[in-house]
Structure formats: structure tokens, C-alpha cells
Amino acid sequence: MPKITLHTDGIVLPIRAQPGARKNSINGVHDGALKVSVQAAPEDGKANDAIVQLLKRFLGIKRNQIEILSGQTSRDKKFLIRELKLEELVQKIRTLI
């Protein structure tokens, strides 16, 4: 399970990104972070946008509920998830991995 932390505005979800992959997918956990593969290249924020779209779809949340907090140019990122209960997020992640 990823090392999820609480934030004053929601929940912080650590992500380990793999840009330039064959397909968009969630591939388990790597060093306490949810491992996410996206086809988009790591340039001009394209991979970050693809990760947001993937999380949005898999977690069933709206675009305005996801914000990247850190790691814009790194493989290791932290996303803020708003308006989702911790138990709900944990349950959705368990079904994905």
C-alpha cells in the first residue's frame, strides 16, 4: 500500500511515474508510492497531465479534486486528492493493485 498522508486540504498520494510506457496503467507499489505508467513523454507537463487523467478515471473523481504538490519534473511525485475520504481512497487503491 502506498504511504498515504493527510493534508489540511485532503490526502497526499505519492506516485512513482513511468513516462513513455506502452500503455497507461497502475502497476502496484514501488518504495511506498503508487507506480503509474503513462504513454505520454516527460516533456512540457504531458506525462503529469496523463497521470492526472489516469488517476481521475481510476479513482472516479473530478479534475479539480487532483493537484500536483511536488515532483513536476521528477519520477517521484506527490498529488493532493481533495474531497475523498481516506477509507474510500484506500479501498479504491486496493482494488487497483
PDB file of N, CA and C in Angstrom:
ATOM      1  N   MET A   1       0.835  -1.171   0.000  1.00  0.00           N
ATOM      2  CA  MET A   1       0.000   0.000   0.000  1.00  0.00           C
ATOM      3  C   MET A   1       0.890   1.248   0.000  1.00  0.00           C
ATOM      4  N   PRO A   2       0.549   2.256  -0.792  1.00  0.00           N
ATOM      5  CA  PRO A   2       1.349   3.489  -0.783  1.00  0.00           C
ATOM      6  C   PRO A   2       1.289   4.196   0.573  1.00  0.00           C
ATOM      7  N   LYS A   3       2.308   4.995   0.865  1.00  0.00           N
ATOM      8  CA  LYS A   3       2.376   5.742   2.123  1.00  0.00           C
ATOM      9  C   LYS A   3       1.550   7.020   1.998  1.00  0.00           C
ATOM     10  N   ILE A   4       0.263   6.880   2.186  1.00  0.00           N
ATOM     11  CA  ILE A   4      -0.674   7.995   2.083  1.00  0.00           C
ATOM     12  C   ILE A   4      -0.585   8.831   3.350  1.00  0.00           C
ATOM     13  N   THR A   5      -0.571  10.161   3.193  1.00  0.00           N
ATOM     14  CA  THR A   5      -0.546  11.052   4.343  1.00  0.00           C
ATOM     15  C   THR A   5      -1.704  12.040   4.259  1.00  0.00           C
ATOM     16  N   LEU A   6      -2.093  12.548   5.410  1.00  0.00           N
ATOM     17  CA  LEU A   6      -3.163  13.530   5.461  1.00  0.00           C
ATOM     18  C   LEU A   6      -2.584  14.931   5.278  1.00  0.00           C
ATOM     19  N   HIS A   7      -3.375  15.790   4.680  1.00  0.00           N
ATOM     20  CA  HIS A   7      -3.018  17.185   4.407  1.00  0.00           C
ATOM     21  C   HIS A   7      -4.211  18.020   4.846  1.00  0.00           C
ATOM     22  N   THR A   8      -3.997  19.278   5.152  1.00  0.00           N
ATOM     23  CA  THR A   8      -5.115  20.115   5.603  1.00  0.00           C
ATOM     24  C   THR A   8      -6.211  20.229   4.547  1.00  0.00           C
ATOM     25  N   ASP A   9      -5.856  20.075   3.261  1.00  0.00           N
ATOM     26  CA  ASP A   9      -6.835  20.176   2.176  1.00  0.00           C
ATOM     27  C   ASP A   9      -7.286  18.837   1.616  1.00  0.00           C
ATOM     28  N   GLY A  10      -6.783  17.731   2.156  1.00  0.00           N
ATOM     29  CA  GLY A  10      -7.171  16.425   1.632  1.00  0.00           C
ATOM     30  C   GLY A  10      -6.167  15.340   1.982  1.00  0.00           C
ATOM     31  N   ILE A  11      -5.813  14.546   0.973  1.00  0.00           N
ATOM     32  CA  ILE A  11      -4.927  13.401   1.155  1.00  0.00           C
ATOM     33  C   ILE A  11      -3.777  13.511   0.162  1.00  0.00           C
ATOM     34  N   VAL A  12      -2.564  13.239   0.623  1.00  0.00           N
ATOM     35  CA  VAL A  12      -1.389  13.262  -0.256  1.00  0.00           C
ATOM     36  C   VAL A  12      -1.091  11.827  -0.693  1.00  0.00           C
ATOM     37  N   LEU A  13      -1.093  11.623  -2.006  1.00  0.00           N
ATOM     38  CA  LEU A  13      -0.835  10.310  -2.592  1.00  0.00           C
ATOM     39  C   LEU A  13       0.503  10.354  -3.325  1.00  0.00           C
ATOM     40  N   PRO A  14       1.507   9.597  -2.865  1.00  0.00           N
ATOM     41  CA  PRO A  14       2.787   9.561  -3.574  1.00  0.00           C
ATOM     42  C   PRO A  14       2.684   8.690  -4.824  1.00  0.00           C
ATOM     43  N   ILE A  15       3.291   9.164  -5.892  1.00  0.00           N
ATOM     44  CA  ILE A  15       3.255   8.486  -7.188  1.00  0.00           C
ATOM     45  C   ILE A  15       4.669   8.284  -7.690  1.00  0.00           C
ATOM     46  N   ARG A  16       4.953   7.109  -8.222  1.00  0.00           N
ATOM     47  CA  ARG A  16       6.208   6.832  -8.930  1.00  0.00           C
ATOM     48  C   ARG A  16       5.834   6.717 -10.404  1.00  0.00           C
ATOM     49  N   ALA A  17       6.235   7.702 -11.201  1.00  0.00           N
ATOM     50  CA  ALA A  17       5.825   7.786 -12.602  1.00  0.00           C
ATOM     51  C   ALA A  17       6.774   7.047 -13.525  1.00  0.00           C
ATOM     52  N   GLN A  18       6.196   6.438 -14.541  1.00  0.00           N
ATOM     53  CA  GLN A  18       6.974   5.819 -15.604  1.00  0.00           C
ATOM     54  C   GLN A  18       6.428   6.349 -16.933  1.00  0.00           C
ATOM     55  N   PRO A  19       6.972   7.471 -17.400  1.00  0.00           N
ATOM     56  CA  PRO A  19       6.507   8.027 -18.673  1.00  0.00           C
ATOM     57  C   PRO A  19       7.055   7.232 -19.854  1.00  0.00           C
ATOM     58  N   GLY A  20       6.420   7.388 -21.006  1.00  0.00           N
ATOM     59  CA  GLY A  20       6.867   6.712 -22.214  1.00  0.00           C
ATOM     60  C   GLY A  20       6.605   5.220 -22.212  1.00  0.00           C
ATOM     61  N   ALA A  21       5.625   4.785 -21.444  1.00  0.00           N
ATOM     62  CA  ALA A  21       5.301   3.351 -21.356  1.00  0.00           C
ATOM     63  C   ALA A  21       4.444   2.920 -22.554  1.00  0.00           C
ATOM     64  N   ARG A  22       4.246   1.629 -22.683  1.00  0.00           N
ATOM     65  CA  ARG A  22       3.421   1.098 -23.770  1.00  0.00           C
ATOM     66  C   ARG A  22       1.942   1.411 -23.600  1.00  0.00           C
ATOM     67  N   LYS A  23       1.506   1.433 -22.328  1.00  0.00           N
ATOM     68  CA  LYS A  23       0.092   1.721 -22.071  1.00  0.00           C
ATOM     69  C   LYS A  23      -0.045   2.457 -20.744  1.00  0.00           C
ATOM     70  N   ASN A  24      -1.168   3.113 -20.575  1.00  0.00           N
ATOM     71  CA  ASN A  24      -1.474   3.796 -19.326  1.00  0.00           C
ATOM     72  C   ASN A  24      -2.011   2.769 -18.339  1.00  0.00           C
ATOM     73  N   SER A  25      -1.354   2.666 -17.177  1.00  0.00           N
ATOM     74  CA  SER A  25      -1.807   1.680 -16.198  1.00  0.00           C
ATOM     75  C   SER A  25      -1.251   1.985 -14.810  1.00  0.00           C
ATOM     76  N   ILE A  26      -1.867   1.345 -13.825  1.00  0.00           N
ATOM     77  CA  ILE A  26      -1.377   1.400 -12.460  1.00  0.00           C
ATOM     78  C   ILE A  26      -0.777   0.038 -12.177  1.00  0.00           C
ATOM     79  N   ASN A  27       0.494   0.030 -11.740  1.00  0.00           N
ATOM     80  CA  ASN A  27       1.265  -1.211 -11.656  1.00  0.00           C
ATOM     81  C   ASN A  27       1.705  -1.592 -10.255  1.00  0.00           C
ATOM     82  N   GLY A  28       0.915  -1.295  -9.265  1.00  0.00           N
ATOM     83  CA  GLY A  28       1.273  -1.682  -7.915  1.00  0.00           C
ATOM     84  C   GLY A  28       1.959  -0.576  -7.148  1.00  0.00           C
ATOM     85  N   VAL A  29       2.841  -0.977  -6.232  1.00  0.00           N
ATOM     86  CA  VAL A  29       3.509  -0.035  -5.342  1.00  0.00           C
ATOM     87  C   VAL A  29       5.022  -0.187  -5.485  1.00  0.00           C
ATOM     88  N   HIS A  30       5.736   0.946  -5.488  1.00  0.00           N
ATOM     89  CA  HIS A  30       7.191   0.959  -5.572  1.00  0.00           C
ATOM     90  C   HIS A  30       7.715   1.931  -4.525  1.00  0.00           C
ATOM     91  N   ASP A  31       8.470   1.447  -3.542  1.00  0.00           N
ATOM     92  CA  ASP A  31       9.045   2.282  -2.478  1.00  0.00           C
ATOM     93  C   ASP A  31       8.012   3.182  -1.804  1.00  0.00           C
ATOM     94  N   GLY A  32       6.858   2.642  -1.505  1.00  0.00           N
ATOM     95  CA  GLY A  32       5.836   3.396  -0.791  1.00  0.00           C
ATOM     96  C   GLY A  32       5.018   4.333  -1.656  1.00  0.00           C
ATOM     97  N   ALA A  33       5.171   4.249  -2.969  1.00  0.00           N
ATOM     98  CA  ALA A  33       4.418   5.107  -3.885  1.00  0.00           C
ATOM     99  C   ALA A  33       3.639   4.242  -4.877  1.00  0.00           C
ATOM    100  N   LEU A  34       2.507   4.736  -5.319  1.00  0.00           N
ATOM    101  CA  LEU A  34       1.707   4.054  -6.327  1.00  0.00           C
ATOM    102  C   LEU A  34       2.440   4.181  -7.660  1.00  0.00           C
ATOM    103  N   LYS A  35       2.758   3.077  -8.302  1.00  0.00           N
ATOM    104  CA  LYS A  35       3.501   3.099  -9.563  1.00  0.00           C
ATOM    105  C   LYS A  35       2.519   3.259 -10.715  1.00  0.00           C
ATOM    106  N   VAL A  36       2.721   4.329 -11.481  1.00  0.00           N
ATOM    107  CA  VAL A  36       1.814   4.674 -12.572  1.00  0.00           C
ATOM    108  C   VAL A  36       2.600   4.778 -13.869  1.00  0.00           C
ATOM    109  N   SER A  37       2.156   4.061 -14.890  1.00  0.00           N
ATOM    110  CA  SER A  37       2.785   4.124 -16.213  1.00  0.00           C
ATOM    111  C   SER A  37       1.873   4.891 -17.161  1.00  0.00           C
ATOM    112  N   VAL A  38       2.476   5.805 -17.930  1.00  0.00           N
ATOM    113  CA  VAL A  38       1.708   6.558 -18.927  1.00  0.00           C
ATOM    114  C   VAL A  38       2.476   6.584 -20.239  1.00  0.00           C
ATOM    115  N   GLN A  39       1.735   6.635 -21.328  1.00  0.00           N
ATOM    116  CA  GLN A  39       2.337   6.655 -22.654  1.00  0.00           C
ATOM    117  C   GLN A  39       2.972   8.000 -22.974  1.00  0.00           C
ATOM    118  N   ALA A  40       2.489   9.051 -22.376  1.00  0.00           N
ATOM    119  CA  ALA A  40       2.967  10.399 -22.678  1.00  0.00           C
ATOM    120  C   ALA A  40       4.446  10.558 -22.347  1.00  0.00           C
ATOM    121  N   ALA A  41       5.105  11.394 -23.141  1.00  0.00           N
ATOM    122  CA  ALA A  41       6.527  11.684 -22.924  1.00  0.00           C
ATOM    123  C   ALA A  41       6.683  12.659 -21.760  1.00  0.00           C
ATOM    124  N   PRO A  42       7.833  12.601 -21.091  1.00  0.00           N
ATOM    125  CA  PRO A  42       8.068  13.501 -19.954  1.00  0.00           C
ATOM    126  C   PRO A  42       8.535  14.893 -20.404  1.00  0.00           C
ATOM    127  N   GLU A  43       7.727  15.559 -21.200  1.00  0.00           N
ATOM    128  CA  GLU A  43       8.097  16.892 -21.681  1.00  0.00           C
ATOM    129  C   GLU A  43       6.880  17.809 -21.657  1.00  0.00           C
ATOM    130  N   ASP A  44       7.112  19.046 -21.301  1.00  0.00           N
ATOM    131  CA  ASP A  44       6.061  20.071 -21.262  1.00  0.00           C
ATOM    132  C   ASP A  44       4.865  19.686 -20.400  1.00  0.00           C
ATOM    133  N   GLY A  45       5.076  18.872 -19.374  1.00  0.00           N
ATOM    134  CA  GLY A  45       3.986  18.502 -18.474  1.00  0.00           C
ATOM    135  C   GLY A  45       3.012  17.477 -19.030  1.00  0.00           C
ATOM    136  N   LYS A  46       3.329  16.890 -20.184  1.00  0.00           N
ATOM    137  CA  LYS A  46       2.413  15.923 -20.807  1.00  0.00           C
ATOM    138  C   LYS A  46       2.232  14.679 -19.943  1.00  0.00           C
ATOM    139  N   ALA A  47       3.309  14.175 -19.368  1.00  0.00           N
ATOM    140  CA  ALA A  47       3.207  12.977 -18.524  1.00  0.00           C
ATOM    141  C   ALA A  47       2.406  13.292 -17.257  1.00  0.00           C
ATOM    142  N   ASN A  48       2.610  14.457 -16.668  1.00  0.00           N
ATOM    143  CA  ASN A  48       1.846  14.846 -15.480  1.00  0.00           C
ATOM    144  C   ASN A  48       0.354  14.916 -15.798  1.00  0.00           C
ATOM    145  N   ASP A  49       0.018  15.509 -16.938  1.00  0.00           N
ATOM    146  CA  ASP A  49      -1.386  15.591 -17.348  1.00  0.00           C
ATOM    147  C   ASP A  49      -1.982  14.200 -17.556  1.00  0.00           C
ATOM    148  N   ALA A  50      -1.192  13.302 -18.130  1.00  0.00           N
ATOM    149  CA  ALA A  50      -1.661  11.932 -18.352  1.00  0.00           C
ATOM    150  C   ALA A  50      -1.882  11.208 -17.022  1.00  0.00           C
ATOM    151  N   ILE A  51      -1.014  11.455 -16.049  1.00  0.00           N
ATOM    152  CA  ILE A  51      -1.176  10.846 -14.725  1.00  0.00           C
ATOM    153  C   ILE A  51      -2.455  11.358 -14.070  1.00  0.00           C
ATOM    154  N   VAL A  52      -2.691  12.649 -14.181  1.00  0.00           N
ATOM    155  CA  VAL A  52      -3.918  13.231 -13.611  1.00  0.00           C
ATOM    156  C   VAL A  52      -5.145  12.585 -14.243  1.00  0.00           C
ATOM    157  N   GLN A  53      -5.138  12.439 -15.551  1.00  0.00           N
ATOM    158  CA  GLN A  53      -6.281  11.826 -16.246  1.00  0.00           C
ATOM    159  C   GLN A  53      -6.483  10.379 -15.808  1.00  0.00           C
ATOM    160  N   LEU A  54      -5.382   9.653 -15.651  1.00  0.00           N
ATOM    161  CA  LEU A  54      -5.460   8.255 -15.231  1.00  0.00           C
ATOM    162  C   LEU A  54      -6.012   8.145 -13.816  1.00  0.00           C
ATOM    163  N   LEU A  55      -5.493   8.962 -12.903  1.00  0.00           N
ATOM    164  CA  LEU A  55      -5.981   8.947 -11.521  1.00  0.00           C
ATOM    165  C   LEU A  55      -7.454   9.346 -11.464  1.00  0.00           C
ATOM    166  N   LYS A  56      -7.801  10.345 -12.226  1.00  0.00           N
ATOM    167  CA  LYS A  56      -9.187  10.808 -12.280  1.00  0.00           C
ATOM    168  C   LYS A  56     -10.116   9.664 -12.675  1.00  0.00           C
ATOM    169  N   ARG A  57      -9.722   8.942 -13.690  1.00  0.00           N
ATOM    170  CA  ARG A  57     -10.553   7.836 -14.188  1.00  0.00           C
ATOM    171  C   ARG A  57     -10.619   6.684 -13.188  1.00  0.00           C
ATOM    172  N   PHE A  58      -9.466   6.253 -12.677  1.00  0.00           N
ATOM    173  CA  PHE A  58      -9.441   5.102 -11.782  1.00  0.00           C
ATOM    174  C   PHE A  58     -10.034   5.387 -10.405  1.00  0.00           C
ATOM    175  N   LEU A  59      -9.886   6.617  -9.927  1.00  0.00           N
ATOM    176  CA  LEU A  59     -10.417   6.948  -8.608  1.00  0.00           C
ATOM    177  C   LEU A  59     -11.849   7.483  -8.671  1.00  0.00           C
ATOM    178  N   GLY A  60     -12.328   7.768  -9.877  1.00  0.00           N
ATOM    179  CA  GLY A  60     -13.700   8.244 -10.028  1.00  0.00           C
ATOM    180  C   GLY A  60     -13.911   9.629  -9.433  1.00  0.00           C
ATOM    181  N   ILE A  61     -12.936  10.519  -9.653  1.00  0.00           N
ATOM    182  CA  ILE A  61     -13.048  11.874  -9.118  1.00  0.00           C
ATOM    183  C   ILE A  61     -12.944  12.890 -10.250  1.00  0.00           C
ATOM    184  N   LYS A  62     -13.235  14.154  -9.934  1.00  0.00           N
ATOM    185  CA  LYS A  62     -13.193  15.220 -10.924  1.00  0.00           C
ATOM    186  C   LYS A  62     -11.787  15.809 -11.018  1.00  0.00           C
ATOM    187  N   ARG A  63     -11.515  16.493 -12.110  1.00  0.00           N
ATOM    188  CA  ARG A  63     -10.199  17.093 -12.357  1.00  0.00           C
ATOM    189  C   ARG A  63      -9.820  18.100 -11.268  1.00  0.00           C
ATOM    190  N   ASN A  64     -10.801  18.854 -10.781  1.00  0.00           N
ATOM    191  CA  ASN A  64     -10.475  19.868  -9.778  1.00  0.00           C
ATOM    192  C   ASN A  64     -10.209  19.276  -8.393  1.00  0.00           C
ATOM    193  N   GLN A  65     -10.307  17.966  -8.243  1.00  0.00           N
ATOM    194  CA  GLN A  65     -10.008  17.301  -6.981  1.00  0.00           C
ATOM    195  C   GLN A  65      -8.562  16.802  -6.920  1.00  0.00           C
ATOM    196  N   ILE A  66      -7.802  16.966  -8.008  1.00  0.00           N
ATOM    197  CA  ILE A  66      -6.413  16.482  -8.070  1.00  0.00           C
ATOM    198  C   ILE A  66      -5.481  17.654  -8.351  1.00  0.00           C
ATOM    199  N   GLU A  67      -4.396  17.709  -7.577  1.00  0.00           N
ATOM    200  CA  GLU A  67      -3.402  18.756  -7.783  1.00  0.00           C
ATOM    201  C   GLU A  67      -2.025  18.165  -7.496  1.00  0.00           C
ATOM    202  N   ILE A  68      -1.061  18.473  -8.351  1.00  0.00           N
ATOM    203  CA  ILE A  68       0.301  18.003  -8.105  1.00  0.00           C
ATOM    204  C   ILE A  68       0.963  18.957  -7.108  1.00  0.00           C
ATOM    205  N   LEU A  69       1.470  18.387  -6.020  1.00  0.00           N
ATOM    206  CA  LEU A  69       2.106  19.191  -4.976  1.00  0.00           C
ATOM    207  C   LEU A  69       3.603  19.322  -5.185  1.00  0.00           C
ATOM    208  N   SER A  70       4.236  18.224  -5.596  1.00  0.00           N
ATOM    209  CA  SER A  70       5.687  18.259  -5.792  1.00  0.00           C
ATOM    210  C   SER A  70       6.094  17.205  -6.808  1.00  0.00           C
ATOM    211  N   GLY A  71       7.285  17.416  -7.372  1.00  0.00           N
ATOM    212  CA  GLY A  71       7.827  16.446  -8.317  1.00  0.00           C
ATOM    213  C   GLY A  71       7.412  16.663  -9.750  1.00  0.00           C
ATOM    214  N   GLN A  72       7.134  17.897 -10.143  1.00  0.00           N
ATOM    215  CA  GLN A  72       6.698  18.172 -11.512  1.00  0.00           C
ATOM    216  C   GLN A  72       7.674  17.644 -12.557  1.00  0.00           C
ATOM    217  N   THR A  73       8.960  17.663 -12.260  1.00  0.00           N
ATOM    218  CA  THR A  73       9.961  17.194 -13.229  1.00  0.00           C
ATOM    219  C   THR A  73      10.679  15.934 -12.759  1.00  0.00           C
ATOM    220  N   SER A  74      10.127  15.270 -11.768  1.00  0.00           N
ATOM    221  CA  SER A  74      10.750  14.070 -11.204  1.00  0.00           C
ATOM    222  C   SER A  74       9.831  12.862 -11.411  1.00  0.00           C
ATOM    223  N   ARG A  75      10.392  11.675 -11.311  1.00  0.00           N
ATOM    224  CA  ARG A  75       9.564  10.467 -11.354  1.00  0.00           C
ATOM    225  C   ARG A  75       8.751  10.311 -10.077  1.00  0.00           C
ATOM    226  N   ASP A  76       9.304  10.807  -8.979  1.00  0.00           N
ATOM    227  CA  ASP A  76       8.623  10.725  -7.686  1.00  0.00           C
ATOM    228  C   ASP A  76       7.809  11.995  -7.477  1.00  0.00           C
ATOM    229  N   LYS A  77       6.503  11.824  -7.393  1.00  0.00           N
ATOM    230  CA  LYS A  77       5.584  12.951  -7.310  1.00  0.00           C
ATOM    231  C   LYS A  77       4.658  12.792  -6.118  1.00  0.00           C
ATOM    232  N   LYS A  78       4.061  13.898  -5.717  1.00  0.00           N
ATOM    233  CA  LYS A  78       3.038  13.862  -4.673  1.00  0.00           C
ATOM    234  C   LYS A  78       1.824  14.613  -5.199  1.00  0.00           C
ATOM    235  N   PHE A  79       0.689  13.927  -5.141  1.00  0.00           N
ATOM    236  CA  PHE A  79      -0.560  14.513  -5.593  1.00  0.00           C
ATOM    237  C   PHE A  79      -1.486  14.721  -4.414  1.00  0.00           C
ATOM    238  N   LEU A  80      -2.169  15.851  -4.418  1.00  0.00           N
ATOM    239  CA  LEU A  80      -3.171  16.140  -3.412  1.00  0.00           C
ATOM    240  C   LEU A  80      -4.527  15.721  -3.964  1.00  0.00           C
ATOM    241  N   ILE A  81      -5.214  14.876  -3.216  1.00  0.00           N
ATOM    242  CA  ILE A  81      -6.558  14.428  -3.597  1.00  0.00           C
ATOM    243  C   ILE A  81      -7.532  15.081  -2.626  1.00  0.00           C
ATOM    244  N   ARG A  82      -8.473  15.846  -3.163  1.00  0.00           N
ATOM    245  CA  ARG A  82      -9.455  16.556  -2.335  1.00  0.00           C
ATOM    246  C   ARG A  82     -10.810  15.862  -2.377  1.00  0.00           C
ATOM    247  N   GLU A  83     -11.588  16.132  -1.338  1.00  0.00           N
ATOM    248  CA  GLU A  83     -12.990  15.709  -1.278  1.00  0.00           C
ATOM    249  C   GLU A  83     -13.184  14.202  -1.431  1.00  0.00           C
ATOM    250  N   LEU A  84     -12.244  13.438  -0.900  1.00  0.00           N
ATOM    251  CA  LEU A  84     -12.341  11.986  -0.915  1.00  0.00           C
ATOM    252  C   LEU A  84     -11.912  11.503   0.465  1.00  0.00           C
ATOM    253  N   LYS A  85     -12.700  10.644   1.053  1.00  0.00           N
ATOM    254  CA  LYS A  85     -12.373  10.133   2.382  1.00  0.00           C
ATOM    255  C   LYS A  85     -11.215   9.146   2.280  1.00  0.00           C
ATOM    256  N   LEU A  86     -10.407   9.115   3.330  1.00  0.00           N
ATOM    257  CA  LEU A  86      -9.240   8.246   3.360  1.00  0.00           C
ATOM    258  C   LEU A  86      -9.629   6.790   3.134  1.00  0.00           C
ATOM    259  N   GLU A  87     -10.677   6.326   3.799  1.00  0.00           N
ATOM    260  CA  GLU A  87     -11.117   4.934   3.658  1.00  0.00           C
ATOM    261  C   GLU A  87     -11.523   4.629   2.214  1.00  0.00           C
ATOM    262  N   GLU A  88     -12.164   5.610   1.578  1.00  0.00           N
ATOM    263  CA  GLU A  88     -12.596   5.442   0.192  1.00  0.00           C
ATOM    264  C   GLU A  88     -11.386   5.315  -0.740  1.00  0.00           C
ATOM    265  N   LEU A  89     -10.388   6.176  -0.527  1.00  0.00           N
ATOM    266  CA  LEU A  89      -9.176   6.136  -1.343  1.00  0.00           C
ATOM    267  C   LEU A  89      -8.447   4.815  -1.158  1.00  0.00           C
ATOM    268  N   VAL A  90      -8.305   4.378   0.087  1.00  0.00           N
ATOM    269  CA  VAL A  90      -7.623   3.115   0.375  1.00  0.00           C
ATOM    270  C   VAL A  90      -8.341   1.956  -0.318  1.00  0.00           C
ATOM    271  N   GLN A  91      -9.658   1.934  -0.252  1.00  0.00           N
ATOM    272  CA  GLN A  91     -10.446   0.867  -0.891  1.00  0.00           C
ATOM    273  C   GLN A  91     -10.242   0.864  -2.404  1.00  0.00           C
ATOM    274  N   LYS A  92     -10.261   2.041  -3.011  1.00  0.00           N
ATOM    275  CA  LYS A  92     -10.096   2.122  -4.476  1.00  0.00           C
ATOM    276  C   LYS A  92      -8.696   1.679  -4.883  1.00  0.00           C
ATOM    277  N   ILE A  93      -7.688   2.049  -4.096  1.00  0.00           N
ATOM    278  CA  ILE A  93      -6.309   1.640  -4.413  1.00  0.00           C
ATOM    279  C   ILE A  93      -6.160   0.126  -4.261  1.00  0.00           C
ATOM    280  N   ARG A  94      -6.764  -0.430  -3.237  1.00  0.00           N
ATOM    281  CA  ARG A  94      -6.674  -1.890  -3.045  1.00  0.00           C
ATOM    282  C   ARG A  94      -7.247  -2.646  -4.228  1.00  0.00           C
ATOM    283  N   THR A  95      -8.316  -2.141  -4.821  1.00  0.00           N
ATOM    284  CA  THR A  95      -8.893  -2.814  -5.985  1.00  0.00           C
ATOM    285  C   THR A  95      -8.008  -2.690  -7.217  1.00  0.00           C
ATOM    286  N   LEU A  96      -7.161  -1.648  -7.246  1.00  0.00           N
ATOM    287  CA  LEU A  96      -6.295  -1.411  -8.402  1.00  0.00           C
ATOM    288  C   LEU A  96      -5.014  -2.241  -8.364  1.00  0.00           C
ATOM    289  N   ILE A  97      -4.524  -2.538  -7.140  1.00  0.00           N
ATOM    290  CA  ILE A  97      -3.215  -3.213  -7.071  1.00  0.00           C
ATOM    291  C   ILE A  97      -3.326  -4.661  -6.655  1.00  0.00           C
TER     292      ILE A  97
END
